[in-house]
Amino acid sequence: MIALDRTRQVAPQIAEILRNRILRLELAPQSVLSRAAIQMEFGVSQTPVRDALQQLADEGLVQIFPQSSTVVSPIDPEQARQAHFLRSAIEIEAIQKIAAAPDPDLIQRLRSIIAKQARCCEAEDFECFDDEDRRFHKALYEAADISMLWPIVRRHAVHIDRLRRLNLPRPGKMQSVLTDHIAIVDAVETEDPEAAASALRKHLSGTIALIATMASENPGFVSTVSRTARATMSSQGIES
């Protein structure tokens, strides 16, 4: 049984654990989430499990079929593209602001993260690499004084996160990310906002440009049905 912090609301904790399993592809699309099994795993009643699954459904990570089952949703390219648009708009503006007046402490921090990512790459530790990638980008939000936007972007980025995790094992992908991160930091250090923005734009487009390729290489992981259509099907009890 997984111990939860009983001083905090239980449903968000369950949602976070299940979300991480989905984002790390431990739970593949069409995996069935048994409410009874989740209750037993966390030692909770029906209500927090229902609330946790509804939260994941609101994020587009699961489909709830009334009086039937709850299954993990496939990756939604439409949501991934919109999340990419949101993230690009925010982060490109942020990196230009940062590069206009670079902070040596930030540069040192970013290079430390890159060094840790390089070690993760050598060990082929995808989870470690992904965690450090988020640390890198979160540091940009903090440096640009827009840290309140980070959780908003993270909430909308779940499908592009799954695409990236699906993409990481591809030969050369992790090294490509490292090269991009180095180029971004180099441009910041030389106080070149346009070069920093260009490097970041290239970096953020790497995964989104491969949606069709990943869909063909990973049947069942990437949806060909829009979220709106899936929601209609779910309400009618039809599995996509």
Protein backbone atom coordinates (compact mmCIF):
# COMPACT_ATOMS: atom_id res chain seq x y z
CA MET A 1 0.00 0.00 0.00
CA ILE A 2 1.35 3.42 -0.97
CA ALA A 3 1.46 5.82 1.99
CA LEU A 4 -0.10 9.23 1.38
CA ASP A 5 0.32 12.45 3.35
CA ARG A 6 -2.90 12.52 5.34
CA THR A 7 -2.33 16.17 6.30
CA ARG A 8 -2.97 17.08 2.66
CA GLN A 9 -5.88 16.41 0.32
CA VAL A 10 -5.66 12.83 -0.85
CA ALA A 11 -7.19 13.05 -4.34
CA PRO A 12 -4.50 15.41 -5.78
CA GLN A 13 -1.77 13.10 -4.46
CA ILE A 14 -3.32 10.08 -6.15
CA ALA A 15 -3.78 12.08 -9.36
CA GLU A 16 -0.11 13.14 -9.26
CA ILE A 17 1.15 9.57 -8.86
CA LEU A 18 -1.08 8.25 -11.64
CA ARG A 19 -0.19 11.24 -13.85
CA ASN A 20 3.53 10.49 -13.46
CA ARG A 21 2.96 6.85 -14.41
CA ILE A 22 1.15 7.96 -17.56
CA LEU A 23 3.73 10.62 -18.47
CA ARG A 24 6.56 8.11 -18.01
CA LEU A 25 4.65 5.64 -20.22
CA GLU A 26 4.43 3.11 -17.39
CA LEU A 27 0.73 3.14 -18.22
CA ALA A 28 0.27 2.89 -21.98
CA PRO A 29 -2.83 4.10 -23.84
CA GLN A 30 -5.84 1.83 -23.34
CA SER A 31 -4.49 0.61 -19.98
CA VAL A 32 -7.50 0.06 -17.73
CA LEU A 33 -7.46 1.88 -14.38
CA SER A 34 -9.47 -0.19 -11.93
CA ARG A 35 -11.04 1.98 -9.25
CA ALA A 36 -11.12 -0.96 -6.83
CA ALA A 37 -7.42 -1.65 -7.41
CA ILE A 38 -6.54 2.01 -6.89
CA GLN A 39 -8.56 2.13 -3.66
CA MET A 40 -6.66 -0.91 -2.42
CA GLU A 41 -3.27 0.42 -3.51
CA PHE A 42 -3.71 3.73 -1.67
CA GLY A 43 -5.97 2.56 1.15
CA VAL A 44 -8.69 5.09 0.41
CA SER A 45 -12.43 5.19 -0.23
CA GLN A 46 -14.21 5.63 -3.56
CA THR A 47 -14.51 9.42 -3.38
CA PRO A 48 -10.83 10.48 -3.64
CA VAL A 49 -10.24 7.90 -6.39
CA ARG A 50 -13.21 9.24 -8.34
CA ASP A 51 -11.97 12.81 -7.88
CA ALA A 52 -8.41 11.90 -8.91
CA LEU A 53 -9.58 10.16 -12.08
CA GLN A 54 -11.85 13.09 -12.93
CA GLN A 55 -8.87 15.44 -12.62
CA LEU A 56 -6.90 13.27 -15.04
CA ALA A 57 -9.89 13.17 -17.38
CA ASP A 58 -10.06 16.98 -17.33
CA GLU A 59 -6.40 17.00 -18.42
CA GLY A 60 -7.15 14.57 -21.25
CA LEU A 61 -5.02 11.78 -19.79
CA VAL A 62 -7.81 9.27 -19.20
CA GLN A 63 -11.21 8.51 -20.65
CA ILE A 64 -14.02 7.68 -18.26
CA PHE A 65 -16.76 5.48 -19.71
CA PRO A 66 -19.80 5.66 -17.37
CA GLN A 67 -20.76 2.34 -15.79
CA SER A 68 -17.97 0.72 -17.75
CA SER A 69 -14.27 1.52 -17.31
CA THR A 70 -11.57 4.17 -17.11
CA VAL A 71 -8.71 3.85 -19.59
CA VAL A 72 -5.56 5.80 -20.34
CA SER A 73 -6.07 8.10 -23.33
CA PRO A 74 -3.78 8.09 -26.35
CA ILE A 75 -1.55 11.11 -26.91
CA ASP A 76 -3.56 13.95 -28.43
CA PRO A 77 -1.60 15.76 -31.20
CA GLU A 78 -4.05 18.68 -31.18
CA GLN A 79 -3.47 19.36 -27.50
CA ALA A 80 0.27 18.85 -27.93
CA ARG A 81 0.41 21.46 -30.69
CA GLN A 82 -1.55 23.99 -28.66
CA ALA A 83 0.68 23.38 -25.63
CA HIS A 84 3.71 23.88 -27.87
CA PHE A 85 2.30 27.20 -29.10
CA LEU A 86 1.68 28.37 -25.51
CA ARG A 87 5.09 27.26 -24.29
CA SER A 88 6.93 28.78 -27.24
CA ALA A 89 5.21 32.14 -26.86
CA ILE A 90 6.13 32.33 -23.18
CA GLU A 91 9.64 30.89 -23.23
CA ILE A 92 10.91 32.77 -26.28
CA GLU A 93 9.85 36.03 -24.68
CA ALA A 94 11.45 34.90 -21.41
CA ILE A 95 14.80 33.92 -22.96
CA GLN A 96 15.06 37.26 -24.78
CA LYS A 97 14.53 39.07 -21.49
CA ILE A 98 17.11 36.88 -19.76
CA ALA A 99 19.71 37.28 -22.52
CA ALA A 100 19.36 41.06 -22.51
CA ALA A 101 20.82 41.15 -18.99
CA PRO A 102 22.29 37.72 -18.16
CA ASP A 103 22.87 36.65 -14.58
CA PRO A 104 26.17 34.78 -14.07
CA ASP A 105 24.60 32.70 -11.28
CA LEU A 106 21.83 31.58 -13.63
CA ILE A 107 24.34 30.62 -16.31
CA GLN A 108 26.29 28.57 -13.79
CA ARG A 109 23.08 26.89 -12.63
CA LEU A 110 22.00 26.05 -16.18
CA ARG A 111 25.42 24.62 -17.04
CA SER A 112 25.27 22.49 -13.89
CA ILE A 113 21.91 21.12 -15.03
CA ILE A 114 23.34 20.40 -18.49
CA ALA A 115 26.25 18.52 -16.87
CA LYS A 116 23.79 16.41 -14.89
CA GLN A 117 21.80 15.77 -18.07
CA ALA A 118 24.99 14.62 -19.81
CA ARG A 119 25.55 12.05 -17.07
CA CYS A 120 21.93 10.89 -17.41
CA CYS A 121 22.48 10.60 -21.16
CA GLU A 122 25.59 8.46 -20.72
CA ALA A 123 23.67 6.19 -18.35
CA GLU A 124 20.65 6.11 -20.70
CA ASP A 125 18.54 7.12 -17.71
CA PHE A 126 15.50 8.62 -19.41
CA GLU A 127 13.67 9.55 -16.20
CA CYS A 128 16.69 11.40 -14.83
CA PHE A 129 17.21 13.16 -18.16
CA ASP A 130 13.55 14.21 -18.32
CA ASP A 131 13.63 15.50 -14.73
CA GLU A 132 16.70 17.63 -15.47
CA ASP A 133 15.07 18.94 -18.64
CA ARG A 134 12.17 20.26 -16.56
CA ARG A 135 14.63 21.81 -14.09
CA PHE A 136 16.35 23.60 -16.98
CA HIS A 137 13.15 25.15 -18.30
CA LYS A 138 11.74 25.94 -14.87
CA ALA A 139 14.92 27.91 -14.15
CA LEU A 140 14.14 30.11 -17.16
CA TYR A 141 10.69 30.95 -15.79
CA GLU A 142 12.17 31.83 -12.43
CA ALA A 143 14.92 33.97 -13.99
CA ALA A 144 12.36 35.88 -16.09
CA ASP A 145 10.17 36.47 -13.00
CA ILE A 146 7.25 34.52 -14.46
CA SER A 147 7.35 31.51 -12.14
CA MET A 148 3.56 31.72 -11.65
CA LEU A 149 3.17 30.67 -15.29
CA TRP A 150 5.18 27.45 -14.82
CA PRO A 151 2.37 25.36 -13.26
CA ILE A 152 -0.07 26.64 -15.89
CA VAL A 153 2.21 25.53 -18.71
CA ARG A 154 2.91 22.22 -16.99
CA ARG A 155 -0.82 21.53 -16.64
CA HIS A 156 -1.36 22.01 -20.37
CA ALA A 157 1.80 20.21 -21.47
CA VAL A 158 0.92 16.63 -20.51
CA HIS A 159 0.52 15.40 -24.09
CA ILE A 160 3.69 17.00 -25.39
CA ASP A 161 5.46 15.59 -22.31
CA ARG A 162 4.33 12.10 -23.34
CA LEU A 163 5.49 12.69 -26.90
CA ARG A 164 8.89 13.81 -25.64
CA ARG A 165 9.18 10.74 -23.39
CA LEU A 166 8.25 8.55 -26.34
CA ASN A 167 10.89 10.34 -28.42
CA LEU A 168 13.79 10.24 -25.93
CA PRO A 169 14.96 6.68 -26.69
CA ARG A 170 15.39 7.51 -30.39
CA PRO A 171 19.11 7.39 -31.32
CA GLY A 172 20.72 10.80 -30.87
CA LYS A 173 17.67 12.47 -29.31
CA MET A 174 19.15 13.07 -25.85
CA GLN A 175 22.39 14.36 -27.35
CA SER A 176 20.36 16.70 -29.56
CA VAL A 177 18.60 18.10 -26.49
CA LEU A 178 21.96 18.65 -24.78
CA THR A 179 23.31 20.45 -27.85
CA ASP A 180 20.23 22.70 -27.91
CA HIS A 181 20.54 23.53 -24.21
CA ILE A 182 24.21 24.41 -24.62
CA ALA A 183 23.39 26.69 -27.57
CA ILE A 184 20.70 28.45 -25.53
CA VAL A 185 23.04 29.09 -22.59
CA ASP A 186 25.89 30.17 -24.86
CA ALA A 187 23.62 32.76 -26.49
CA VAL A 188 22.49 34.04 -23.09
CA GLU A 189 26.08 34.31 -21.87
CA THR A 190 27.07 36.38 -24.92
CA GLU A 191 24.05 38.67 -24.36
CA ASP A 192 22.47 37.81 -27.71
CA PRO A 193 18.66 37.76 -27.29
CA GLU A 194 17.96 36.91 -30.95
CA ALA A 195 20.38 33.98 -30.98
CA ALA A 196 18.94 32.75 -27.69
CA ALA A 197 15.40 32.95 -29.06
CA SER A 198 16.43 31.15 -32.26
CA ALA A 199 18.12 28.35 -30.32
CA LEU A 200 15.13 27.95 -28.03
CA ARG A 201 12.67 27.95 -30.93
CA LYS A 202 14.64 25.16 -32.62
CA HIS A 203 14.78 23.24 -29.35
CA LEU A 204 11.05 23.40 -28.68
CA SER A 205 10.12 22.36 -32.21
CA GLY A 206 12.15 19.14 -32.11
CA THR A 207 9.44 16.88 -30.71
CA ILE A 208 6.38 18.47 -32.27
CA ALA A 209 7.89 18.07 -35.76
CA LEU A 210 8.03 14.28 -35.30
CA ILE A 211 4.40 13.61 -34.37
CA ALA A 212 3.62 11.74 -37.60
CA THR A 213 6.81 9.69 -37.33
CA MET A 214 6.16 8.75 -33.70
CA ALA A 215 2.56 7.85 -34.53
CA SER A 216 3.69 5.44 -37.26
CA GLU A 217 6.45 3.94 -35.11
CA ASN A 218 4.25 3.57 -31.99
CA PRO A 219 0.81 2.32 -33.07
CA GLY A 220 -1.87 3.04 -30.50
CA PHE A 221 0.11 5.71 -28.63
CA VAL A 222 -0.86 8.72 -30.73
CA SER A 223 -4.53 9.45 -31.40
CA THR A 224 -6.03 10.13 -34.80
CA VAL A 225 -9.25 11.23 -33.09
CA SER A 226 -9.63 14.75 -31.63
CA ARG A 227 -10.24 15.22 -27.92
CA THR A 228 -13.70 16.67 -28.67
CA ALA A 229 -14.65 13.56 -30.60
CA ARG A 230 -13.27 11.32 -27.83
CA ALA A 231 -15.27 13.21 -25.22
CA THR A 232 -18.45 12.65 -27.22
CA MET A 233 -17.65 8.98 -27.61
CA SER A 234 -16.88 8.68 -23.90
CA SER A 235 -20.21 10.22 -22.93
CA GLN A 236 -21.90 7.65 -25.16
CA GLY A 237 -19.90 4.80 -23.68
CA ILE A 238 -17.99 4.16 -26.93
CA GLU A 239 -14.29 3.26 -26.67
CA SER A 240 -11.97 4.92 -29.22
